[in-house]
């Protein structure tokens, strides 16, 4: 009987209280929502990451939050992949994306990093880009503000009102991706709707 596949689900963010509610930590927020929904504890600390193992419905997963800063995310991810003998093709990475409007989600296979330093680090460290991403739209600032300052800034008051709905819908996208596969999940979640109109 073949061994059951284990999937690695990574949420990207920066460690530390100062970054908890910033736009760049959208990946952490969604991973926490998944962990809570499926009673998966992500409190094991090893490989410069927090992680835990459990089930999303019938799919065995490892949920991980790299505790290196964003631009070094690839190193802990590579260590976890190596330790659990998971090919990087069996990985889902959840990250914020300024090129998607706030409130939009998109599941994507392959592709570049689009300037996202966490993704760039992972692609360079694991040696390939053939993994699935869940992009969490944070939009771009309407003011003339440096991109780094924008993504490291906190969500606006109006955005915070929608965050719970966004993280829950993103959690559902993670469930669909891990249990039904990326292609089917794309059909369900890659629409043009903003979360505010759902």
Protein backbone atom coordinates (compact mmCIF):
# COMPACT_ATOMS: atom_id res chain seq x y z
CA UNK A 1 0.00 0.00 0.00
CA UNK A 2 1.56 3.34 -1.03
CA UNK A 3 2.43 5.81 1.69
CA UNK A 4 -0.10 8.61 2.01
CA UNK A 5 1.13 11.96 0.69
CA UNK A 6 1.83 14.68 3.24
CA UNK A 7 1.33 18.27 2.12
CA UNK A 8 3.22 21.26 3.47
CA UNK A 9 1.13 24.42 3.94
CA UNK A 10 3.24 27.50 4.64
CA UNK A 11 1.94 30.87 5.78
CA UNK A 12 4.32 33.78 5.24
CA UNK A 13 4.83 36.67 7.62
CA UNK A 14 7.26 38.33 9.99
CA UNK A 15 7.75 37.17 13.60
CA UNK A 16 7.20 39.47 16.56
CA UNK A 17 4.36 41.45 18.10
CA UNK A 18 5.13 44.54 16.02
CA UNK A 19 4.11 42.74 12.83
CA UNK A 20 1.06 40.78 13.99
CA UNK A 21 -1.63 42.93 12.36
CA UNK A 22 0.35 44.16 9.34
CA UNK A 23 -0.60 43.49 5.72
CA UNK A 24 2.59 41.46 5.15
CA UNK A 25 1.38 38.96 7.77
CA UNK A 26 -1.75 37.93 5.89
CA UNK A 27 -0.21 34.47 5.36
CA UNK A 28 0.21 33.98 9.11
CA UNK A 29 -3.38 35.12 9.72
CA UNK A 30 -4.81 32.60 7.27
CA UNK A 31 -2.63 29.76 8.56
CA UNK A 32 -3.81 30.49 12.12
CA UNK A 33 -7.42 30.33 10.90
CA UNK A 34 -6.77 26.93 9.27
CA UNK A 35 -5.01 25.64 12.39
CA UNK A 36 -7.87 26.73 14.65
CA UNK A 37 -10.57 25.30 12.37
CA UNK A 38 -8.93 21.86 12.27
CA UNK A 39 -7.48 21.81 15.81
CA UNK A 40 -3.90 21.62 14.58
CA UNK A 41 -1.41 22.98 17.09
CA UNK A 42 1.41 24.90 15.39
CA UNK A 43 3.54 25.34 18.49
CA UNK A 44 6.43 22.98 17.74
CA UNK A 45 9.55 25.10 17.33
CA UNK A 46 12.32 23.72 15.14
CA UNK A 47 14.09 24.66 11.89
CA UNK A 48 13.55 28.36 12.76
CA UNK A 49 9.82 27.80 12.29
CA UNK A 50 6.62 27.06 14.18
CA UNK A 51 4.81 24.04 12.79
CA UNK A 52 2.35 21.27 13.53
CA UNK A 53 0.97 18.14 11.89
CA UNK A 54 -2.65 17.16 11.51
CA UNK A 55 -5.56 16.54 9.17
CA UNK A 56 -7.55 18.87 6.95
CA UNK A 57 -10.52 16.58 6.39
CA UNK A 58 -8.78 13.48 4.95
CA UNK A 59 -5.56 15.20 3.87
CA UNK A 60 -2.50 14.93 6.10
CA UNK A 61 -0.75 18.27 6.35
CA UNK A 62 2.08 20.07 8.06
CA UNK A 63 1.25 23.71 8.78
CA UNK A 64 4.29 25.95 9.12
CA UNK A 65 5.14 29.58 9.90
CA UNK A 66 8.78 30.47 9.16
CA UNK A 67 10.18 32.48 12.06
CA UNK A 68 13.05 33.92 10.03
CA UNK A 69 12.14 37.31 8.65
CA UNK A 70 10.25 37.43 5.37
CA UNK A 71 13.25 37.66 3.05
CA UNK A 72 14.79 34.55 4.68
CA UNK A 73 11.65 32.40 4.58
CA UNK A 74 13.17 29.88 2.19
CA UNK A 75 15.71 28.50 4.66
CA UNK A 76 13.20 27.18 7.26
CA UNK A 77 10.91 25.95 4.45
CA UNK A 78 13.75 23.96 2.89
CA UNK A 79 14.65 22.41 6.25
CA UNK A 80 11.05 21.28 6.84
CA UNK A 81 10.77 19.84 3.31
CA UNK A 82 14.01 17.93 3.79
CA UNK A 83 13.17 16.63 7.27
CA UNK A 84 9.74 15.31 6.30
CA UNK A 85 10.91 14.23 2.81
CA UNK A 86 8.25 16.34 1.08
CA UNK A 87 8.95 17.40 -2.52
CA UNK A 88 8.42 21.15 -2.95
CA UNK A 89 5.77 20.38 -5.58
CA UNK A 90 3.58 19.21 -2.65
CA UNK A 91 3.64 22.62 -1.00
CA UNK A 92 1.08 25.42 -0.74
CA UNK A 93 2.39 28.88 0.17
CA UNK A 94 -0.03 31.53 1.49
CA UNK A 95 1.10 35.12 1.04
CA UNK A 96 -0.05 38.73 0.74
CA UNK A 97 -0.09 40.25 -2.74
CA UNK A 98 -0.20 43.96 -3.62
CA UNK A 99 -1.08 43.20 -7.25
CA UNK A 100 -4.49 41.82 -6.21
CA UNK A 101 -7.21 44.18 -5.03
CA UNK A 102 -7.95 44.06 -1.30
CA UNK A 103 -10.52 41.32 -0.72
CA UNK A 104 -9.57 39.17 -3.70
CA UNK A 105 -8.06 35.69 -3.52
CA UNK A 106 -6.24 33.79 -6.21
CA UNK A 107 -4.81 30.28 -6.33
CA UNK A 108 -1.86 29.99 -8.67
CA UNK A 109 0.45 27.21 -9.81
CA UNK A 110 4.07 27.95 -10.65
CA UNK A 111 5.14 31.44 -11.73
CA UNK A 112 7.64 33.98 -10.47
CA UNK A 113 7.78 35.85 -7.19
CA UNK A 114 6.36 39.17 -8.44
CA UNK A 115 8.70 41.09 -6.16
CA UNK A 116 7.50 39.31 -3.01
CA UNK A 117 10.64 38.73 -0.96
CA UNK A 118 9.28 35.73 0.92
CA UNK A 119 8.38 33.94 -2.31
CA UNK A 120 11.70 34.96 -3.86
CA UNK A 121 13.57 33.41 -0.93
CA UNK A 122 11.59 30.16 -1.18
CA UNK A 123 12.05 29.83 -4.96
CA UNK A 124 15.79 30.48 -4.72
CA UNK A 125 16.30 28.16 -1.74
CA UNK A 126 14.24 25.15 -2.85
CA UNK A 127 15.50 25.53 -6.42
CA UNK A 128 12.19 25.75 -8.25
CA UNK A 129 8.84 27.49 -8.53
CA UNK A 130 6.62 24.48 -9.19
CA UNK A 131 4.42 24.81 -6.11
CA UNK A 132 0.97 26.24 -5.44
CA UNK A 133 0.39 29.70 -3.98
CA UNK A 134 -2.67 31.24 -2.41
CA UNK A 135 -2.46 34.98 -3.04
CA UNK A 136 -4.26 37.21 -0.53
CA UNK A 137 -5.03 40.56 -2.12
CA UNK A 138 -4.00 43.59 -0.06
CA UNK A 139 -4.12 46.08 -2.94
CA UNK A 140 -1.85 49.06 -3.42
CA UNK A 141 -1.83 52.28 -1.47
CA UNK A 142 -3.75 55.17 -3.00
CA UNK A 143 -1.23 57.51 -1.41
CA UNK A 144 2.36 57.95 -2.53
CA UNK A 145 3.91 55.63 0.00
CA UNK A 146 6.90 53.31 -0.24
CA UNK A 147 5.83 49.71 -0.96
CA UNK A 148 7.81 48.36 2.02
CA UNK A 149 6.14 50.85 4.37
CA UNK A 150 2.74 49.98 2.94
CA UNK A 151 3.02 46.19 3.34
CA UNK A 152 4.53 46.60 6.82
CA UNK A 153 1.72 48.96 7.79
CA UNK A 154 -1.41 47.92 9.64
CA UNK A 155 -4.75 47.35 7.92
CA UNK A 156 -7.03 50.38 7.83
CA UNK A 157 -10.13 50.56 10.01
CA UNK A 158 -12.38 49.71 7.06
CA UNK A 159 -10.14 46.83 5.98
CA UNK A 160 -10.16 45.38 9.51
CA UNK A 161 -13.96 45.08 9.32
CA UNK A 162 -13.56 42.62 6.43
CA UNK A 163 -10.49 40.71 7.65
CA UNK A 164 -12.44 37.98 9.42
CA UNK A 165 -14.43 37.20 6.27
CA UNK A 166 -11.29 37.27 4.14
CA UNK A 167 -9.36 34.88 6.40
CA UNK A 168 -12.31 32.47 6.56
CA UNK A 169 -12.73 32.45 2.78
CA UNK A 170 -8.97 31.99 2.40
CA UNK A 171 -9.16 29.08 4.87
CA UNK A 172 -11.83 27.52 2.64
CA UNK A 173 -9.49 27.98 -0.34
CA UNK A 174 -6.74 26.13 1.55
CA UNK A 175 -9.17 23.29 2.32
CA UNK A 176 -10.24 23.06 -1.33
CA UNK A 177 -6.63 23.10 -2.55
CA UNK A 178 -5.41 20.41 -0.14
CA UNK A 179 -8.46 18.16 -0.50
CA UNK A 180 -9.57 18.63 -4.12
CA UNK A 181 -6.40 19.82 -5.82
CA UNK A 182 -5.33 23.20 -7.17
CA UNK A 183 -7.27 23.03 -10.44
CA UNK A 184 -10.64 22.44 -8.79
CA UNK A 185 -9.87 25.01 -6.12
CA UNK A 186 -9.07 27.59 -8.82
CA UNK A 187 -12.51 27.10 -10.34
CA UNK A 188 -14.08 27.80 -6.95
CA UNK A 189 -11.99 30.75 -5.78
CA UNK A 190 -10.34 32.50 -8.75
CA UNK A 191 -13.20 34.86 -9.49
CA UNK A 192 -13.26 38.61 -9.76
CA UNK A 193 -15.41 39.13 -6.68
CA UNK A 194 -14.15 41.25 -3.85
CA UNK A 195 -14.77 39.86 -0.39
CA UNK A 196 -16.99 42.84 0.37
CA UNK A 197 -19.43 41.73 -2.33
CA UNK A 198 -19.65 38.05 -1.33
